[in-house]
N, C-alpha and C. Protein backbone atom coordinates (compact mmCIF):
# COMPACT_ATOMS: atom_id res chain seq x y z
N MET A 1 67.14 116.33 87.96
CA MET A 1 68.29 117.11 88.67
C MET A 1 69.08 116.22 89.51
N GLU A 2 68.43 115.07 90.02
CA GLU A 2 69.16 114.20 90.83
C GLU A 2 70.36 113.56 90.12
N ALA A 3 70.07 113.13 88.89
CA ALA A 3 71.08 112.50 88.04
C ALA A 3 72.28 113.57 87.79
N PHE A 4 71.90 114.79 87.57
CA PHE A 4 72.91 115.75 87.34
C PHE A 4 73.83 115.98 88.53
N TRP A 5 73.14 116.16 89.79
CA TRP A 5 74.01 116.38 90.96
C TRP A 5 74.86 115.17 91.36
N ILE A 6 74.26 114.04 91.29
CA ILE A 6 74.99 112.78 91.66
C ILE A 6 76.18 112.60 90.71
N SER A 7 75.92 112.77 89.40
CA SER A 7 76.99 112.63 88.39
C SER A 7 78.08 113.71 88.56
N LEU A 8 77.60 114.88 88.82
CA LEU A 8 78.61 116.00 88.94
C LEU A 8 79.57 115.62 90.20
N VAL A 9 78.99 115.31 91.26
CA VAL A 9 79.89 114.97 92.47
C VAL A 9 80.73 113.82 92.26
N VAL A 10 80.17 112.72 91.69
CA VAL A 10 80.96 111.47 91.60
C VAL A 10 82.11 111.69 90.62
N ILE A 11 81.80 112.29 89.47
CA ILE A 11 82.83 112.46 88.47
C ILE A 11 83.88 113.54 88.92
N PHE A 12 83.42 114.60 89.63
CA PHE A 12 84.37 115.54 90.14
C PHE A 12 85.42 114.81 91.05
N VAL A 13 84.83 113.98 91.95
CA VAL A 13 85.72 113.27 92.88
C VAL A 13 86.63 112.27 92.16
N ALA A 14 86.07 111.62 91.16
CA ALA A 14 86.80 110.60 90.37
C ALA A 14 87.94 111.23 89.66
N GLU A 15 87.82 112.48 89.26
CA GLU A 15 88.83 113.13 88.47
C GLU A 15 89.97 113.65 89.28
N LEU A 16 89.70 113.78 90.60
CA LEU A 16 90.85 114.27 91.49
C LEU A 16 91.91 113.29 91.55
N GLY A 17 93.16 113.75 91.15
CA GLY A 17 94.31 112.94 91.16
C GLY A 17 94.44 112.07 89.89
N ASP A 18 93.49 112.21 88.94
CA ASP A 18 93.45 111.44 87.80
C ASP A 18 94.54 111.91 86.79
N LYS A 19 94.99 111.10 85.88
CA LYS A 19 96.02 111.56 84.90
C LYS A 19 95.47 112.68 84.03
N SER A 20 94.14 112.82 83.87
CA SER A 20 93.67 113.91 83.14
C SER A 20 93.92 115.24 83.77
N GLN A 21 93.92 115.24 85.16
CA GLN A 21 94.26 116.48 85.85
C GLN A 21 95.74 116.77 85.68
N LEU A 22 96.54 115.71 85.66
CA LEU A 22 97.97 115.92 85.42
C LEU A 22 98.21 116.53 84.02
N MET A 23 97.45 116.06 83.02
CA MET A 23 97.58 116.60 81.72
C MET A 23 97.04 118.01 81.68
N ALA A 24 96.03 118.34 82.43
CA ALA A 24 95.45 119.75 82.41
C ALA A 24 96.58 120.62 82.96
N MET A 25 97.20 120.17 84.08
CA MET A 25 98.21 121.08 84.59
C MET A 25 99.39 121.25 83.72
N THR A 26 99.74 120.18 83.06
CA THR A 26 100.88 120.23 82.05
C THR A 26 100.51 121.21 80.95
N PHE A 27 99.33 121.02 80.37
CA PHE A 27 98.94 121.94 79.26
C PHE A 27 98.88 123.36 79.79
N ALA A 28 98.46 123.53 80.99
CA ALA A 28 98.27 124.92 81.59
C ALA A 28 99.63 125.59 81.70
N THR A 29 100.69 124.89 81.87
CA THR A 29 102.00 125.45 82.01
C THR A 29 102.55 125.91 80.64
N ARG A 30 101.92 125.37 79.59
CA ARG A 30 102.39 125.63 78.24
C ARG A 30 101.46 126.55 77.44
N PHE A 31 100.18 126.53 77.70
CA PHE A 31 99.19 127.38 76.93
C PHE A 31 98.36 128.23 77.81
N LYS A 32 97.63 129.12 77.27
CA LYS A 32 96.76 129.95 78.02
C LYS A 32 95.54 129.10 78.61
N PRO A 33 95.02 129.42 79.68
CA PRO A 33 94.08 128.54 80.36
C PRO A 33 92.77 128.31 79.57
N TRP A 34 92.26 129.31 78.85
CA TRP A 34 91.02 129.19 78.17
C TRP A 34 91.01 128.17 76.92
N PRO A 35 92.04 128.10 76.14
CA PRO A 35 92.02 127.04 75.06
C PRO A 35 92.13 125.60 75.76
N VAL A 36 92.88 125.58 76.86
CA VAL A 36 93.09 124.25 77.51
C VAL A 36 91.71 123.84 78.07
N LEU A 37 90.98 124.75 78.76
CA LEU A 37 89.65 124.44 79.25
C LEU A 37 88.63 124.10 78.27
N ALA A 38 88.70 124.88 77.10
CA ALA A 38 87.77 124.59 75.93
C ALA A 38 88.09 123.25 75.33
N GLY A 39 89.31 122.83 75.20
CA GLY A 39 89.61 121.61 74.66
C GLY A 39 89.15 120.39 75.54
N ILE A 40 89.33 120.60 76.87
CA ILE A 40 88.89 119.59 77.85
C ILE A 40 87.33 119.51 77.76
N THR A 41 86.68 120.61 77.65
CA THR A 41 85.22 120.59 77.60
C THR A 41 84.73 119.86 76.35
N ILE A 42 85.33 120.16 75.24
CA ILE A 42 84.86 119.51 73.99
C ILE A 42 85.09 117.96 74.02
N ALA A 43 86.28 117.57 74.46
CA ALA A 43 86.53 116.11 74.57
C ALA A 43 85.69 115.43 75.62
N THR A 44 85.47 116.12 76.74
CA THR A 44 84.67 115.47 77.73
C THR A 44 83.19 115.35 77.32
N THR A 45 82.68 116.35 76.72
CA THR A 45 81.28 116.32 76.21
C THR A 45 81.05 115.17 75.29
N ILE A 46 81.99 114.87 74.37
CA ILE A 46 81.89 113.83 73.44
C ILE A 46 81.99 112.45 74.10
N VAL A 47 83.08 112.28 74.90
CA VAL A 47 83.29 110.95 75.61
C VAL A 47 82.16 110.66 76.52
N HIS A 48 81.68 111.62 77.23
CA HIS A 48 80.58 111.37 78.28
C HIS A 48 79.24 111.11 77.53
N LEU A 49 79.04 111.69 76.32
CA LEU A 49 77.82 111.40 75.58
C LEU A 49 77.84 109.93 75.20
N VAL A 50 78.96 109.47 74.68
CA VAL A 50 79.11 107.99 74.38
C VAL A 50 78.94 107.16 75.58
N SER A 51 79.46 107.55 76.72
CA SER A 51 79.43 106.82 78.00
C SER A 51 77.95 106.65 78.40
N VAL A 52 77.19 107.68 78.40
CA VAL A 52 75.78 107.62 78.84
C VAL A 52 74.87 106.81 77.88
N ALA A 53 75.29 106.80 76.62
CA ALA A 53 74.62 105.98 75.66
C ALA A 53 74.77 104.52 75.92
N VAL A 54 76.01 104.17 76.16
CA VAL A 54 76.34 102.79 76.53
C VAL A 54 75.70 102.38 77.81
N GLY A 55 75.82 103.24 78.83
CA GLY A 55 75.14 103.01 80.15
C GLY A 55 73.64 102.92 80.05
N GLY A 56 73.05 103.78 79.18
CA GLY A 56 71.58 103.70 79.02
C GLY A 56 71.22 102.37 78.36
N LEU A 57 71.92 101.90 77.39
CA LEU A 57 71.61 100.57 76.78
C LEU A 57 71.68 99.44 77.77
N ILE A 58 72.80 99.49 78.59
CA ILE A 58 73.01 98.44 79.55
C ILE A 58 71.90 98.50 80.61
N GLY A 59 71.60 99.69 81.02
CA GLY A 59 70.55 99.89 82.10
C GLY A 59 69.15 99.38 81.63
N ASP A 60 68.84 99.58 80.30
CA ASP A 60 67.55 99.08 79.91
C ASP A 60 67.50 97.58 79.76
N ALA A 61 68.60 96.85 79.58
CA ALA A 61 68.66 95.49 79.39
C ALA A 61 68.78 94.64 80.63
N LEU A 62 69.22 95.24 81.76
CA LEU A 62 69.47 94.48 83.00
C LEU A 62 68.50 94.90 84.10
N PRO A 63 68.20 93.94 84.98
CA PRO A 63 67.33 94.26 86.14
C PRO A 63 68.10 95.18 87.08
N THR A 64 67.29 96.03 87.83
CA THR A 64 67.96 97.10 88.70
C THR A 64 68.74 96.51 89.85
N THR A 65 68.38 95.40 90.38
CA THR A 65 69.21 94.87 91.49
C THR A 65 70.61 94.44 90.95
N ALA A 66 70.66 93.75 89.82
CA ALA A 66 71.88 93.38 89.21
C ALA A 66 72.77 94.61 88.95
N ILE A 67 72.12 95.64 88.33
CA ILE A 67 72.83 96.89 88.07
C ILE A 67 73.43 97.45 89.35
N SER A 68 72.67 97.50 90.48
CA SER A 68 73.15 98.03 91.69
C SER A 68 74.35 97.24 92.22
N VAL A 69 74.31 95.94 92.14
CA VAL A 69 75.38 95.09 92.58
C VAL A 69 76.61 95.37 91.77
N VAL A 70 76.45 95.33 90.44
CA VAL A 70 77.63 95.56 89.49
C VAL A 70 78.19 97.01 89.75
N ALA A 71 77.31 97.92 89.89
CA ALA A 71 77.70 99.39 90.05
C ALA A 71 78.54 99.47 91.36
N GLY A 72 77.97 98.86 92.41
CA GLY A 72 78.62 98.90 93.76
C GLY A 72 80.05 98.33 93.70
N ILE A 73 80.14 97.14 93.07
CA ILE A 73 81.48 96.50 92.90
C ILE A 73 82.35 97.38 91.99
N ALA A 74 81.74 97.93 90.92
CA ALA A 74 82.66 98.85 90.09
C ALA A 74 83.13 100.03 90.87
N PHE A 75 82.29 100.65 91.76
CA PHE A 75 82.76 101.82 92.52
C PHE A 75 83.83 101.38 93.49
N LEU A 76 83.75 100.19 94.11
CA LEU A 76 84.76 99.69 95.03
C LEU A 76 86.07 99.53 94.16
N GLY A 77 85.91 98.95 92.95
CA GLY A 77 87.11 98.85 92.09
C GLY A 77 87.70 100.19 91.75
N PHE A 78 86.76 101.24 91.53
CA PHE A 78 87.33 102.52 91.25
C PHE A 78 88.11 103.07 92.48
N ALA A 79 87.68 102.76 93.67
CA ALA A 79 88.35 103.18 94.82
C ALA A 79 89.71 102.59 94.91
N LEU A 80 89.82 101.29 94.62
CA LEU A 80 91.17 100.66 94.59
C LEU A 80 92.04 101.23 93.47
N TRP A 81 91.45 101.47 92.26
CA TRP A 81 92.17 102.07 91.16
C TRP A 81 92.70 103.47 91.52
N THR A 82 91.88 104.22 92.26
CA THR A 82 92.25 105.52 92.68
C THR A 82 93.44 105.53 93.70
N LEU A 83 93.39 104.53 94.62
CA LEU A 83 94.40 104.40 95.57
C LEU A 83 95.73 103.97 94.89
N ARG A 84 95.72 103.22 93.82
CA ARG A 84 96.85 102.83 93.12
C ARG A 84 97.54 104.05 92.46
N GLY A 85 96.66 105.01 92.07
CA GLY A 85 97.25 106.27 91.48
C GLY A 85 97.26 106.19 90.01
N ASP A 86 97.33 107.32 89.39
CA ASP A 86 97.33 107.48 88.04
C ASP A 86 98.50 108.46 87.65
N GLU A 87 99.35 108.12 86.78
CA GLU A 87 100.44 108.98 86.34
C GLU A 87 100.50 109.13 84.84
N LEU A 88 101.02 110.24 84.42
CA LEU A 88 101.34 110.35 82.99
C LEU A 88 102.47 109.54 82.65
N THR A 89 102.39 108.79 81.53
CA THR A 89 103.56 108.07 80.97
C THR A 89 104.53 109.06 80.51
N GLU A 90 105.78 108.62 80.33
CA GLU A 90 106.76 109.60 79.81
C GLU A 90 106.30 110.12 78.40
N GLU A 91 105.72 109.20 77.60
CA GLU A 91 105.34 109.64 76.23
C GLU A 91 104.20 110.67 76.33
N GLU A 92 103.22 110.43 77.20
CA GLU A 92 102.08 111.39 77.36
C GLU A 92 102.69 112.80 77.80
N SER A 93 103.60 112.76 78.73
CA SER A 93 104.20 113.93 79.28
C SER A 93 105.03 114.68 78.17
N ARG A 94 105.69 113.98 77.44
CA ARG A 94 106.45 114.60 76.27
C ARG A 94 105.55 115.25 75.26
N LYS A 95 104.47 114.56 74.90
CA LYS A 95 103.53 115.02 73.98
C LYS A 95 102.90 116.31 74.44
N ALA A 96 102.62 116.33 75.72
CA ALA A 96 101.99 117.59 76.29
C ALA A 96 103.03 118.81 76.33
N GLN A 97 104.25 118.48 76.45
CA GLN A 97 105.26 119.49 76.49
C GLN A 97 105.70 119.91 75.12
N ARG A 98 105.64 119.00 74.04
CA ARG A 98 106.08 119.36 72.81
C ARG A 98 105.06 120.07 71.94
N THR A 99 103.87 119.94 72.23
CA THR A 99 102.76 120.50 71.39
C THR A 99 102.85 122.04 71.39
N THR A 100 103.04 122.50 70.15
CA THR A 100 103.10 124.02 70.10
C THR A 100 102.10 124.56 69.08
N ARG A 101 101.43 123.61 68.40
CA ARG A 101 100.42 124.08 67.40
C ARG A 101 99.17 124.61 68.14
N ASN A 102 98.11 124.54 67.39
CA ASN A 102 96.85 125.02 68.01
C ASN A 102 96.54 124.34 69.31
N ALA A 103 96.51 125.09 70.37
CA ALA A 103 96.32 124.52 71.74
C ALA A 103 94.95 123.81 71.88
N LEU A 104 93.91 124.34 71.28
CA LEU A 104 92.59 123.78 71.34
C LEU A 104 92.50 122.42 70.77
N ILE A 105 93.09 122.25 69.59
CA ILE A 105 93.08 120.95 68.90
C ILE A 105 93.99 119.97 69.66
N ALA A 106 95.14 120.37 70.13
CA ALA A 106 96.03 119.48 70.90
C ALA A 106 95.38 119.00 72.17
N VAL A 107 94.78 119.84 72.91
CA VAL A 107 94.12 119.48 74.18
C VAL A 107 92.96 118.57 73.90
N THR A 108 92.09 118.96 72.92
CA THR A 108 90.90 118.15 72.66
C THR A 108 91.27 116.71 72.26
N VAL A 109 92.23 116.59 71.38
CA VAL A 109 92.61 115.21 70.93
C VAL A 109 93.25 114.51 72.06
N ALA A 110 94.14 115.08 72.78
CA ALA A 110 94.82 114.47 73.95
C ALA A 110 93.82 114.02 75.02
N PHE A 111 92.89 114.81 75.35
CA PHE A 111 91.94 114.45 76.37
C PHE A 111 90.92 113.40 75.84
N PHE A 112 90.55 113.55 74.62
CA PHE A 112 89.60 112.50 74.06
C PHE A 112 90.28 111.15 74.10
N LEU A 113 91.45 111.00 73.71
CA LEU A 113 92.13 109.73 73.68
C LEU A 113 92.42 109.26 75.11
N SER A 114 92.85 110.14 75.99
CA SER A 114 93.21 109.68 77.37
C SER A 114 91.91 109.25 78.11
N GLU A 115 90.74 109.77 77.79
CA GLU A 115 89.59 109.44 78.57
C GLU A 115 88.90 108.18 78.14
N LEU A 116 89.20 107.64 76.94
CA LEU A 116 88.65 106.38 76.43
C LEU A 116 89.05 105.28 77.33
N GLY A 117 88.07 104.65 77.97
CA GLY A 117 88.36 103.49 78.90
C GLY A 117 88.89 103.98 80.28
N ASP A 118 88.94 105.30 80.52
CA ASP A 118 89.46 105.76 81.85
C ASP A 118 88.35 105.53 82.88
N LYS A 119 88.73 105.67 84.16
CA LYS A 119 87.77 105.39 85.24
C LYS A 119 86.56 106.36 85.23
N THR A 120 86.78 107.61 84.78
CA THR A 120 85.67 108.53 84.74
C THR A 120 84.69 108.14 83.62
N MET A 121 85.21 107.62 82.48
CA MET A 121 84.31 107.13 81.48
C MET A 121 83.47 105.93 82.00
N LEU A 122 84.17 104.98 82.73
CA LEU A 122 83.54 103.84 83.27
C LEU A 122 82.52 104.24 84.35
N ALA A 123 82.91 105.19 85.08
CA ALA A 123 82.03 105.67 86.16
C ALA A 123 80.76 106.37 85.57
N THR A 124 80.90 107.10 84.56
CA THR A 124 79.78 107.70 83.81
C THR A 124 78.85 106.60 83.20
N ILE A 125 79.41 105.63 82.63
CA ILE A 125 78.61 104.45 82.17
C ILE A 125 77.79 103.91 83.31
N THR A 126 78.47 103.66 84.39
CA THR A 126 77.78 103.03 85.56
C THR A 126 76.64 103.93 86.09
N LEU A 127 76.94 105.23 86.16
CA LEU A 127 75.92 106.18 86.67
C LEU A 127 74.74 106.16 85.62
N ALA A 128 75.02 106.07 84.35
CA ALA A 128 73.93 106.18 83.36
C ALA A 128 73.02 104.91 83.37
N THR A 129 73.47 103.78 83.98
CA THR A 129 72.65 102.66 84.08
C THR A 129 71.56 102.83 85.04
N GLN A 130 71.72 103.83 85.99
CA GLN A 130 70.75 103.96 87.05
C GLN A 130 69.98 105.38 87.01
N HIS A 131 70.51 106.31 86.25
CA HIS A 131 69.93 107.61 86.29
C HIS A 131 69.71 108.10 84.87
N GLY A 132 68.92 109.14 84.72
CA GLY A 132 68.57 109.59 83.34
C GLY A 132 69.85 110.03 82.63
N TRP A 133 69.87 109.79 81.28
CA TRP A 133 71.07 110.02 80.54
C TRP A 133 71.35 111.50 80.38
N VAL A 134 70.35 112.33 80.25
CA VAL A 134 70.72 113.83 80.09
C VAL A 134 71.30 114.39 81.28
N GLY A 135 70.73 114.10 82.45
CA GLY A 135 71.32 114.62 83.77
C GLY A 135 72.67 113.96 84.05
N THR A 136 72.80 112.73 83.73
CA THR A 136 74.14 112.10 83.95
C THR A 136 75.17 112.64 83.04
N TRP A 137 74.84 112.94 81.73
CA TRP A 137 75.72 113.44 80.80
C TRP A 137 76.17 114.82 81.17
N ILE A 138 75.17 115.72 81.44
CA ILE A 138 75.53 117.06 81.74
C ILE A 138 76.26 117.15 83.06
N GLY A 139 75.82 116.42 84.05
CA GLY A 139 76.52 116.41 85.35
C GLY A 139 77.90 115.85 85.40
N SER A 140 78.07 114.75 84.66
CA SER A 140 79.41 114.23 84.55
C SER A 140 80.38 115.09 83.80
N THR A 141 79.83 115.70 82.76
CA THR A 141 80.68 116.65 81.94
C THR A 141 81.12 117.86 82.72
N VAL A 142 80.13 118.42 83.45
CA VAL A 142 80.43 119.56 84.29
C VAL A 142 81.40 119.18 85.54
N GLY A 143 81.17 118.06 86.08
CA GLY A 143 82.05 117.59 87.14
C GLY A 143 83.43 117.46 86.69
N MET A 144 83.67 116.84 85.52
CA MET A 144 85.03 116.60 85.06
C MET A 144 85.72 117.93 84.65
N VAL A 145 84.90 118.82 83.94
CA VAL A 145 85.48 120.09 83.54
C VAL A 145 85.78 120.93 84.72
N ALA A 146 84.96 120.89 85.76
CA ALA A 146 85.24 121.61 87.03
C ALA A 146 86.55 121.13 87.70
N ALA A 147 86.67 119.76 87.76
CA ALA A 147 87.86 119.28 88.43
C ALA A 147 89.13 119.59 87.60
N ASP A 148 89.04 119.55 86.24
CA ASP A 148 90.19 119.89 85.50
C ASP A 148 90.47 121.32 85.45
N ALA A 149 89.42 122.18 85.56
CA ALA A 149 89.59 123.59 85.78
C ALA A 149 90.34 123.92 87.05
N LEU A 150 89.97 123.22 88.11
CA LEU A 150 90.65 123.31 89.37
C LEU A 150 92.15 123.01 89.25
N ALA A 151 92.41 121.95 88.42
CA ALA A 151 93.77 121.47 88.17
C ALA A 151 94.57 122.57 87.41
N ILE A 152 93.88 123.21 86.44
CA ILE A 152 94.51 124.29 85.68
C ILE A 152 94.90 125.43 86.62
N VAL A 153 93.97 125.83 87.43
CA VAL A 153 94.27 126.95 88.34
C VAL A 153 95.35 126.61 89.34
N VAL A 154 95.24 125.38 89.92
CA VAL A 154 96.23 125.01 90.89
C VAL A 154 97.57 124.82 90.17
N GLY A 155 97.57 124.26 88.96
CA GLY A 155 98.79 124.14 88.17
C GLY A 155 99.47 125.49 87.91
N LEU A 156 98.65 126.48 87.63
CA LEU A 156 99.14 127.81 87.33
C LEU A 156 99.77 128.43 88.63
N MET A 157 99.03 128.19 89.71
CA MET A 157 99.45 128.81 90.98
C MET A 157 100.55 128.06 91.74
N LEU A 158 100.41 126.76 91.84
CA LEU A 158 101.35 126.07 92.65
C LEU A 158 102.35 125.17 91.91
N GLY A 159 102.21 125.10 90.59
CA GLY A 159 103.12 124.23 89.87
C GLY A 159 102.86 122.76 90.17
N ARG A 160 103.85 122.05 90.55
CA ARG A 160 103.69 120.58 90.76
C ARG A 160 103.68 120.23 92.19
N HIS A 161 103.38 121.10 93.14
CA HIS A 161 103.42 120.84 94.45
C HIS A 161 102.00 120.62 95.07
N LEU A 162 101.46 119.47 94.62
CA LEU A 162 100.13 119.07 95.07
C LEU A 162 100.17 117.94 96.11
N PRO A 163 99.35 118.02 97.17
CA PRO A 163 99.28 116.89 98.09
C PRO A 163 98.64 115.67 97.48
N GLU A 164 99.32 114.97 96.55
CA GLU A 164 98.74 113.90 95.78
C GLU A 164 98.13 112.78 96.72
N LYS A 165 98.79 112.44 97.72
CA LYS A 165 98.27 111.38 98.57
C LYS A 165 96.98 111.74 99.28
N VAL A 166 96.85 112.96 99.72
CA VAL A 166 95.56 113.38 100.32
C VAL A 166 94.43 113.33 99.26
N ILE A 167 94.71 113.90 98.10
CA ILE A 167 93.70 113.90 97.08
C ILE A 167 93.35 112.51 96.68
N ARG A 168 94.35 111.62 96.48
CA ARG A 168 94.03 110.23 96.11
C ARG A 168 93.27 109.47 97.19
N TYR A 169 93.60 109.64 98.47
CA TYR A 169 92.88 108.91 99.58
C TYR A 169 91.50 109.45 99.64
N GLY A 170 91.27 110.71 99.56
CA GLY A 170 89.92 111.29 99.57
C GLY A 170 89.04 110.85 98.53
N ALA A 171 89.61 110.82 97.24
CA ALA A 171 88.78 110.32 96.09
C ALA A 171 88.45 108.81 96.26
N ALA A 172 89.48 108.03 96.73
CA ALA A 172 89.18 106.62 96.97
C ALA A 172 88.20 106.33 97.98
N ALA A 173 88.16 107.14 99.01
CA ALA A 173 87.20 107.01 100.12
C ALA A 173 85.81 107.35 99.61
N ALA A 174 85.70 108.41 98.76
CA ALA A 174 84.39 108.75 98.15
C ALA A 174 83.82 107.67 97.27
N PHE A 175 84.79 107.02 96.48
CA PHE A 175 84.33 105.90 95.61
C PHE A 175 83.82 104.76 96.49
N ALA A 176 84.66 104.44 97.58
CA ALA A 176 84.17 103.35 98.46
C ALA A 176 82.86 103.65 99.04
N VAL A 177 82.56 104.84 99.50
CA VAL A 177 81.26 105.19 100.14
C VAL A 177 80.10 104.96 99.08
N PHE A 178 80.35 105.44 97.75
CA PHE A 178 79.34 105.22 96.81
C PHE A 178 79.13 103.76 96.46
N GLY A 179 80.22 103.01 96.45
CA GLY A 179 80.17 101.59 96.20
C GLY A 179 79.35 100.80 97.26
N VAL A 180 79.68 101.15 98.58
CA VAL A 180 78.98 100.55 99.66
C VAL A 180 77.45 100.91 99.69
N ALA A 181 77.24 102.11 99.38
CA ALA A 181 75.87 102.61 99.27
C ALA A 181 75.04 101.90 98.18
N LEU A 182 75.62 101.68 96.97
CA LEU A 182 75.02 100.95 95.98
C LEU A 182 74.78 99.49 96.33
N LEU A 183 75.73 98.88 96.94
CA LEU A 183 75.58 97.52 97.38
C LEU A 183 74.46 97.42 98.43
N GLY A 184 74.45 98.36 99.37
CA GLY A 184 73.39 98.33 100.40
C GLY A 184 72.08 98.52 99.79
N GLU A 185 71.96 99.34 98.79
CA GLU A 185 70.69 99.56 98.08
C GLU A 185 70.26 98.27 97.38
N ALA A 186 71.14 97.54 96.88
CA ALA A 186 70.82 96.27 96.17
C ALA A 186 70.36 95.22 97.22
N VAL A 187 71.00 95.15 98.35
CA VAL A 187 70.66 94.16 99.36
C VAL A 187 69.31 94.53 99.91
N LEU A 188 68.97 95.76 100.13
CA LEU A 188 67.75 96.19 100.78
C LEU A 188 66.54 96.16 99.76
N ALA A 189 66.84 96.04 98.41
CA ALA A 189 65.79 96.00 97.43
C ALA A 189 65.01 94.77 97.39
């Protein structure tokens, strides 16, 4: 359960202000919320399963102190990445606006492709190096789907008027705290 809760919180925070949330809001303005949420869930489930598999393999091959140091540095990097911000490219925005076919397929494919190599995928890999893969997989998937569901609701209610700076700074601070905690854990080990 520890892996589940840690992964849920970390990935939920990582997803705040991410381009996936922007995509969720864009799709929510075009399609009904349920197919959008289902597509996000399918894509996230697959991407995060691959992520925990990679993280599990790395975790078994490396000593735990080295993993903690690398994970701490990675989370500090995620904090900087989050501060930099994430925006939809014009092409990604046009694709989200043009898609009129089956919403479930469109959202699933778009989210799957956008999550490959994204910070939430990398964060999930990092978490899986230190925690059980099942809890990390389920927790990271639930965390991401919850954050994107929030984006859908907010997108439907408020349109594009989000306090992006506040969200970005909060997510960056949370990453920094996790990074410092992991580095502290490595130093004290």
